[in-house]
Each structure stands twice: as structure tokens, then as C-alpha cells.
């Protein structure tokens, strides 16, 4: 009887699938070399290329100084990333130095950065909601471009076309260390 129980237990352990949790995918910066000086890090970033998203300890959202409902964030991010009308207060539209296959000489806002900053007291759910809205903005833009350019869904594209669309709309989200920005604490 013990042998049969052991065989059944082994069978179920081998065939059962375990649930795995996945985190938020982010590209981390490369490690800093030991001989690196912090003064070398000064990088000039054009102010118009940055969208600042702040979440305070009351889970209220402020985007470039404007109080905003989180449900409007996705549309605001899409407008910022595309700069459809070449607004001088939004990211620069430049033809990339490196030719993007299928999109030769197409100006992009590849230098844009969405700077996400949250308060130490921000609830985790509010943080995740903001993250989801920003990621949804990129997903929707990539999906729209895939359907307009190739006539099929982004997920159905071959790897070369997906990579090209990701170069047109690169995911540039920078997260700052949480601080005390305001609200109740």
C-alpha cells in the first residue's frame, strides 16, 4: 500500500503544474563600475522629453503639475509618447540615427521618458494601477501601429516586425526612489 501511495504522490508531483507569479518587467540599468565617478553621470535631457507622473500618499495622481484621474493617464501618456502634432512642449520627433526596418525615415519620439515617482505612503494597489495604465498606453500604441502598418495584431507579428515597432515606441519608464511628496502621513 505504501508503494502505491508513493507512486501516486510521485505521479501527481511530476504532472501537476505549479502557479508562478510574475513581476513587472523592467530593464535595469547596467552595474556601475567600481572606478566610476558620479560626476560622469550628468546627462542633458531636454525638459520637453520628460513626462513626470507623481503619486502622493493619498494615492492622488499629478501629471506634469496637473492633478489627474488615473483613468485619464493612459490617454495622456499616449499623447505624450506620439506627439502627433509635433507640439513644442512635448517630446522631440526625430528620425532615428539607426534605421528601423519597415519604418525608414519615420520620425519618432524615442528620447521621451516617463518619470514615475511615488510617495513612501502610496498604497501598493495605486502604484500597480498607475503602472498598468502606463504599460497599457505602450501596448495600445504598438497594437495600433501593427494593425495600421501590417494589418494584423502586434502579437501575431514575426519577431523582426515586433522589434521594429518596439523601436518606434520604446518603453522608457524611469522610476525614482519613493519620497515624501505630500498628502497625509
Foldseek 3Di string as FASTA:
>chain_A
DVVVVVVVVVVCVVPDDDDDDDDDDDDDDDDDDPVDDPVVVDDDADQQQEWEWEQALVRWIAIPNRTDDLVCLLVVLLCQQAVVVCDPSGAHFDQDPDAQPPQGPGTGSQSHAYEYEYAPNHDPVSVVSNVVSNVVSLLVQLQVCCCVRPVDGLVPDDPSSVVSSCSRRPHHYHYDDHHHPDDDD
